[in-house]
Amino acid sequence: MEVIDTDLPEVKILVPQRFRDLRGFFCETWNERRLAEAGIGCRFVQDNQSVSAHPGTIRGLHLQRPPHAQAKLVRVGCGRIFDVAVDARPDSPNFGRWTAVELSAENGRQLFIPAGFAHGFCTLEADTEVLYKASAFYSAPHEAGVLWSDPDLAIPWPVDPGSAILSDNDRRHPPLAKLAPC
């Protein structure tokens, strides 16, 4: 598995090796031992899946507060996404910085997002399936979010803000500067 650095040192792109033949391909999407050797020592306790019917669907920016903060490993089973990680750790020298990568079923890339980062994505194709592992169980009282269109973050989402499809909850998230401290 190839591990690629991003603009944020803790966020990594993982590219599993695909073994192709006339049937298609096989790949190992997670191997705890191999990733620990690459500096990613994380145990996952929950798998999540979302399917978005329309391009321009935005989910996020979401995070879980301690003690239920979650690291995530995100991949796409079908379709394509613009995937974003924002450093939401107030004591971090990279607080407020973000990185983005296109993940797709075709490119097979995965994004490792450490605990303390907000995560969100925009679908680029219809019927996009996103699968991700989480290092802590979901806890509703510890759920938080950052406004996807926060002007201070200036994330260049690949959708016109007026046509983005969002949940009511995601529309109500505060900007990062107003996120209550953990």
C-alpha atoms as a PDB file:
ATOM      1  CA  MET A   1       0.000   0.000   0.000  1.00  0.00           C
ATOM      2  CA  GLU A   2       1.338   3.394  -0.958  1.00  0.00           C
ATOM      3  CA  VAL A   3       1.054   6.181   1.649  1.00  0.00           C
ATOM      4  CA  ILE A   4       1.061   9.747   0.291  1.00  0.00           C
ATOM      5  CA  ASP A   5       1.465  12.869   2.435  1.00  0.00           C
ATOM      6  CA  THR A   6      -0.991  15.758   2.115  1.00  0.00           C
ATOM      7  CA  ASP A   7      -0.657  19.449   2.998  1.00  0.00           C
ATOM      8  CA  LEU A   8      -1.524  18.475   6.587  1.00  0.00           C
ATOM      9  CA  PRO A   9       1.074  16.126   8.089  1.00  0.00           C
ATOM     10  CA  GLU A  10      -1.409  13.886   9.923  1.00  0.00           C
ATOM     11  CA  VAL A  11      -3.809  13.427   6.982  1.00  0.00           C
ATOM     12  CA  LYS A  12      -2.672  10.716   4.567  1.00  0.00           C
ATOM     13  CA  ILE A  13      -3.780   9.373   1.207  1.00  0.00           C
ATOM     14  CA  LEU A  14      -3.619   5.581   1.067  1.00  0.00           C
ATOM     15  CA  VAL A  15      -3.479   3.807  -2.280  1.00  0.00           C
ATOM     16  CA  PRO A  16      -3.954   0.046  -1.996  1.00  0.00           C
ATOM     17  CA  GLN A  17      -2.254  -2.091  -4.609  1.00  0.00           C
ATOM     18  CA  ARG A  18      -4.757  -3.610  -7.032  1.00  0.00           C
ATOM     19  CA  PHE A  19      -4.132  -7.063  -8.447  1.00  0.00           C
ATOM     20  CA  ARG A  20      -5.905  -7.215 -11.808  1.00  0.00           C
ATOM     21  CA  ASP A  21      -6.881 -10.127 -14.007  1.00  0.00           C
ATOM     22  CA  LEU A  22      -9.700 -10.943 -16.446  1.00  0.00           C
ATOM     23  CA  ARG A  23     -12.224 -10.963 -13.567  1.00  0.00           C
ATOM     24  CA  GLY A  24     -11.403  -7.414 -12.435  1.00  0.00           C
ATOM     25  CA  PHE A  25      -9.205  -6.694  -9.429  1.00  0.00           C
ATOM     26  CA  PHE A  26      -8.555  -7.600  -5.814  1.00  0.00           C
ATOM     27  CA  CYS A  27      -7.082  -5.272  -3.193  1.00  0.00           C
ATOM     28  CA  GLU A  28      -6.495  -5.193   0.524  1.00  0.00           C
ATOM     29  CA  THR A  29      -8.156  -1.984   1.739  1.00  0.00           C
ATOM     30  CA  TRP A  30      -6.920  -2.140   5.336  1.00  0.00           C
ATOM     31  CA  ASN A  31      -4.088  -3.922   7.088  1.00  0.00           C
ATOM     32  CA  GLU A  32      -3.471  -2.736  10.643  1.00  0.00           C
ATOM     33  CA  ARG A  33       0.112  -4.027  10.765  1.00  0.00           C
ATOM     34  CA  ARG A  34       1.192  -2.475   7.449  1.00  0.00           C
ATOM     35  CA  LEU A  35      -0.322   0.894   8.268  1.00  0.00           C
ATOM     36  CA  ALA A  36       1.229   0.905  11.742  1.00  0.00           C
ATOM     37  CA  GLU A  37       4.593   0.474   9.996  1.00  0.00           C
ATOM     38  CA  ALA A  38       3.732   3.619   8.005  1.00  0.00           C
ATOM     39  CA  GLY A  39       2.954   5.557  11.199  1.00  0.00           C
ATOM     40  CA  ILE A  40      -0.817   5.113  11.195  1.00  0.00           C
ATOM     41  CA  GLY A  41      -1.591   3.242  14.384  1.00  0.00           C
ATOM     42  CA  CYS A  42      -5.348   3.198  14.603  1.00  0.00           C
ATOM     43  CA  ARG A  43      -7.952   0.649  15.625  1.00  0.00           C
ATOM     44  CA  PHE A  44     -11.341   0.925  13.980  1.00  0.00           C
ATOM     45  CA  VAL A  45     -14.549  -0.058  15.769  1.00  0.00           C
ATOM     46  CA  GLN A  46     -17.308   0.955  13.363  1.00  0.00           C
ATOM     47  CA  ASP A  47     -17.935   0.861   9.602  1.00  0.00           C
ATOM     48  CA  ASN A  48     -20.280   3.413   8.001  1.00  0.00           C
ATOM     49  CA  GLN A  49     -21.802   3.703   4.544  1.00  0.00           C
ATOM     50  CA  SER A  50     -23.667   6.472   2.753  1.00  0.00           C
ATOM     51  CA  VAL A  51     -25.222   6.546  -0.690  1.00  0.00           C
ATOM     52  CA  SER A  52     -26.039   9.897  -2.263  1.00  0.00           C
ATOM     53  CA  ALA A  53     -28.447   9.896  -5.187  1.00  0.00           C
ATOM     54  CA  HIS A  54     -27.389  13.197  -6.732  1.00  0.00           C
ATOM     55  CA  PRO A  55     -24.141  14.954  -7.642  1.00  0.00           C
ATOM     56  CA  GLY A  56     -23.619  18.090  -5.570  1.00  0.00           C
ATOM     57  CA  THR A  57     -24.678  16.417  -2.322  1.00  0.00           C
ATOM     58  CA  ILE A  58     -22.605  17.671   0.587  1.00  0.00           C
ATOM     59  CA  ARG A  59     -22.251  15.743   3.829  1.00  0.00           C
ATOM     60  CA  GLY A  60     -20.363  17.558   6.544  1.00  0.00           C
ATOM     61  CA  LEU A  61     -18.287  19.018   7.890  1.00  0.00           C
ATOM     62  CA  HIS A  62     -18.670  16.583  10.825  1.00  0.00           C
ATOM     63  CA  LEU A  63     -16.625  15.655  13.874  1.00  0.00           C
ATOM     64  CA  GLN A  64     -17.013  13.936  17.222  1.00  0.00           C
ATOM     65  CA  ARG A  65     -15.734  15.617  20.387  1.00  0.00           C
ATOM     66  CA  PRO A  66     -13.546  13.830  22.950  1.00  0.00           C
ATOM     67  CA  PRO A  67     -13.779  11.331  24.496  1.00  0.00           C
ATOM     68  CA  HIS A  68     -15.536  10.045  21.367  1.00  0.00           C
ATOM     69  CA  ALA A  69     -13.332  11.799  18.790  1.00  0.00           C
ATOM     70  CA  GLN A  70     -13.027   9.674  15.663  1.00  0.00           C
ATOM     71  CA  ALA A  71     -10.245   9.026  13.218  1.00  0.00           C
ATOM     72  CA  LYS A  72     -11.690   7.951   9.860  1.00  0.00           C
ATOM     73  CA  LEU A  73     -10.549   6.008   6.838  1.00  0.00           C
ATOM     74  CA  VAL A  74     -12.708   7.052   3.886  1.00  0.00           C
ATOM     75  CA  ARG A  75     -13.068   5.351   0.511  1.00  0.00           C
ATOM     76  CA  VAL A  76     -15.559   5.277  -2.355  1.00  0.00           C
ATOM     77  CA  GLY A  77     -17.262   2.066  -3.483  1.00  0.00           C
ATOM     78  CA  CYS A  78     -19.092   3.635  -6.428  1.00  0.00           C
ATOM     79  CA  GLY A  79     -18.803   7.111  -7.948  1.00  0.00           C
ATOM     80  CA  ARG A  80     -16.546  10.034  -7.004  1.00  0.00           C
ATOM     81  CA  ILE A  81     -16.240  12.607  -4.213  1.00  0.00           C
ATOM     82  CA  PHE A  82     -14.340  15.761  -3.350  1.00  0.00           C
ATOM     83  CA  ASP A  83     -13.241  14.806   0.183  1.00  0.00           C
ATOM     84  CA  VAL A  84     -12.170  17.410   2.743  1.00  0.00           C
ATOM     85  CA  ALA A  85     -10.419  17.270   6.133  1.00  0.00           C
ATOM     86  CA  VAL A  86     -10.201  20.427   8.296  1.00  0.00           C
ATOM     87  CA  ASP A  87      -7.933  20.659  11.327  1.00  0.00           C
ATOM     88  CA  ALA A  88     -10.392  21.589  14.100  1.00  0.00           C
ATOM     89  CA  ARG A  89      -7.970  21.106  17.005  1.00  0.00           C
ATOM     90  CA  PRO A  90      -7.759  24.522  18.728  1.00  0.00           C
ATOM     91  CA  ASP A  91      -4.216  23.907  20.025  1.00  0.00           C
ATOM     92  CA  SER A  92      -2.867  22.733  16.668  1.00  0.00           C
ATOM     93  CA  PRO A  93      -0.451  24.912  14.668  1.00  0.00           C
ATOM     94  CA  ASN A  94      -2.557  23.896  11.644  1.00  0.00           C
ATOM     95  CA  PHE A  95      -5.920  24.874  13.187  1.00  0.00           C
ATOM     96  CA  GLY A  96      -8.261  25.996  10.412  1.00  0.00           C
ATOM     97  CA  ARG A  97      -6.169  24.556   7.592  1.00  0.00           C
ATOM     98  CA  TRP A  98      -7.765  22.028   5.278  1.00  0.00           C
ATOM     99  CA  THR A  99      -6.802  19.585   2.578  1.00  0.00           C
ATOM    100  CA  ALA A 100      -8.927  17.997  -0.127  1.00  0.00           C
ATOM    101  CA  VAL A 101      -8.557  15.038  -2.460  1.00  0.00           C
ATOM    102  CA  GLU A 102     -10.719  13.358  -5.069  1.00  0.00           C
ATOM    103  CA  LEU A 103     -11.607   9.821  -4.077  1.00  0.00           C
ATOM    104  CA  SER A 104     -13.285   7.502  -6.542  1.00  0.00           C
ATOM    105  CA  ALA A 105     -14.084   3.880  -7.122  1.00  0.00           C
ATOM    106  CA  GLU A 106     -11.788   4.099 -10.141  1.00  0.00           C
ATOM    107  CA  ASN A 107      -8.693   5.577  -8.449  1.00  0.00           C
ATOM    108  CA  GLY A 108      -9.078   3.440  -5.301  1.00  0.00           C
ATOM    109  CA  ARG A 109      -7.594   6.126  -3.085  1.00  0.00           C
ATOM    110  CA  GLN A 110      -8.540   6.362   0.576  1.00  0.00           C
ATOM    111  CA  LEU A 111      -8.170   9.285   2.966  1.00  0.00           C
ATOM    112  CA  PHE A 112      -7.005   8.792   6.545  1.00  0.00           C
ATOM    113  CA  ILE A 113      -8.353  11.585   8.751  1.00  0.00           C
ATOM    114  CA  PRO A 114      -7.103  11.718  12.365  1.00  0.00           C
ATOM    115  CA  ALA A 115      -9.298  12.431  15.389  1.00  0.00           C
ATOM    116  CA  GLY A 116      -9.862  16.146  15.922  1.00  0.00           C
ATOM    117  CA  PHE A 117     -10.416  16.901  12.244  1.00  0.00           C
ATOM    118  CA  ALA A 118     -13.756  17.859  10.711  1.00  0.00           C
ATOM    119  CA  HIS A 119     -14.646  15.796   7.660  1.00  0.00           C
ATOM    120  CA  GLY A 120     -16.987  16.357   4.747  1.00  0.00           C
ATOM    121  CA  PHE A 121     -17.426  15.570   1.104  1.00  0.00           C
ATOM    122  CA  CYS A 122     -19.271  16.582  -2.041  1.00  0.00           C
ATOM    123  CA  THR A 123     -20.486  13.936  -4.458  1.00  0.00           C
ATOM    124  CA  LEU A 124     -19.369  14.370  -8.057  1.00  0.00           C
ATOM    125  CA  GLU A 125     -21.552  11.638  -9.588  1.00  0.00           C
ATOM    126  CA  ALA A 126     -25.037  10.221  -9.078  1.00  0.00           C
ATOM    127  CA  ASP A 127     -25.454   7.221  -6.775  1.00  0.00           C
ATOM    128  CA  THR A 128     -22.104   7.691  -5.064  1.00  0.00           C
ATOM    129  CA  GLU A 129     -21.365   5.235  -2.272  1.00  0.00           C
ATOM    130  CA  VAL A 130     -18.954   6.288   0.488  1.00  0.00           C
ATOM    131  CA  LEU A 131     -17.601   3.786   2.998  1.00  0.00           C
ATOM    132  CA  TYR A 132     -15.600   4.708   6.044  1.00  0.00           C
ATOM    133  CA  LYS A 133     -14.163   3.220   9.168  1.00  0.00           C
ATOM    134  CA  ALA A 134     -14.289   5.092  12.483  1.00  0.00           C
ATOM    135  CA  SER A 135     -11.988   4.657  15.472  1.00  0.00           C
ATOM    136  CA  ALA A 136     -14.672   5.437  18.071  1.00  0.00           C
ATOM    137  CA  PHE A 137     -18.351   4.650  18.319  1.00  0.00           C
ATOM    138  CA  TYR A 138     -20.786   7.375  17.297  1.00  0.00           C
ATOM    139  CA  SER A 139     -22.090   9.386  20.259  1.00  0.00           C
ATOM    140  CA  ALA A 140     -24.906  11.884  19.604  1.00  0.00           C
ATOM    141  CA  PRO A 141     -24.009  14.100  22.615  1.00  0.00           C
ATOM    142  CA  HIS A 142     -20.454  14.453  21.242  1.00  0.00           C
ATOM    143  CA  GLU A 143     -21.455  15.257  17.666  1.00  0.00           C
ATOM    144  CA  ALA A 144     -20.356  18.636  16.276  1.00  0.00           C
ATOM    145  CA  GLY A 145     -19.985  20.277  12.906  1.00  0.00           C
ATOM    146  CA  VAL A 146     -18.503  23.162  10.982  1.00  0.00           C
ATOM    147  CA  LEU A 147     -20.358  25.110   8.297  1.00  0.00           C
ATOM    148  CA  TRP A 148     -19.347  23.652   4.938  1.00  0.00           C
ATOM    149  CA  SER A 149     -19.314  27.108   3.313  1.00  0.00           C
ATOM    150  CA  ASP A 150     -17.389  28.905   6.098  1.00  0.00           C
ATOM    151  CA  PRO A 151     -15.874  31.916   4.274  1.00  0.00           C
ATOM    152  CA  ASP A 152     -12.795  31.855   6.531  1.00  0.00           C
ATOM    153  CA  LEU A 153     -11.988  28.332   5.339  1.00  0.00           C
ATOM    154  CA  ALA A 154     -12.647  29.254   1.671  1.00  0.00           C
ATOM    155  CA  ILE A 155     -12.890  25.632   0.536  1.00  0.00           C
ATOM    156  CA  PRO A 156     -13.427  25.583  -3.252  1.00  0.00           C
ATOM    157  CA  TRP A 157     -16.332  23.116  -3.238  1.00  0.00           C
ATOM    158  CA  PRO A 158     -17.134  21.836  -6.735  1.00  0.00           C
ATOM    159  CA  VAL A 159     -20.796  22.852  -6.532  1.00  0.00           C
ATOM    160  CA  ASP A 160     -22.653  26.134  -6.740  1.00  0.00           C
ATOM    161  CA  PRO A 161     -23.719  27.018  -3.166  1.00  0.00           C
ATOM    162  CA  GLY A 162     -27.298  27.625  -4.300  1.00  0.00           C
ATOM    163  CA  SER A 163     -27.647  24.150  -5.790  1.00  0.00           C
ATOM    164  CA  ALA A 164     -25.804  22.162  -3.117  1.00  0.00           C
ATOM    165  CA  ILE A 165     -27.918  19.432  -1.519  1.00  0.00           C
ATOM    166  CA  LEU A 166     -27.509  19.383   2.282  1.00  0.00           C
ATOM    167  CA  SER A 167     -29.336  18.163   5.352  1.00  0.00           C
ATOM    168  CA  ASP A 168     -30.995  20.813   7.508  1.00  0.00           C
ATOM    169  CA  ASN A 169     -28.535  19.926  10.250  1.00  0.00           C
ATOM    170  CA  ASP A 170     -25.509  20.558   8.003  1.00  0.00           C
ATOM    171  CA  ARG A 171     -26.921  23.949   6.975  1.00  0.00           C
ATOM    172  CA  ARG A 172     -27.023  25.028  10.650  1.00  0.00           C
ATOM    173  CA  HIS A 173     -23.415  24.250  11.636  1.00  0.00           C
ATOM    174  CA  PRO A 174     -21.423  27.258  12.867  1.00  0.00           C
ATOM    175  CA  PRO A 175     -18.268  28.522  11.197  1.00  0.00           C
ATOM    176  CA  LEU A 176     -15.074  27.099  12.653  1.00  0.00           C
ATOM    177  CA  ALA A 177     -14.350  30.323  14.594  1.00  0.00           C
ATOM    178  CA  LYS A 178     -17.637  29.885  16.488  1.00  0.00           C
ATOM    179  CA  LEU A 179     -17.320  26.162  17.151  1.00  0.00           C
ATOM    180  CA  ALA A 180     -17.446  25.677  20.911  1.00  0.00           C
ATOM    181  CA  PRO A 181     -14.110  24.371  22.223  1.00  0.00           C
ATOM    182  CA  CYS A 182     -13.852  20.672  22.987  1.00  0.00           C
END
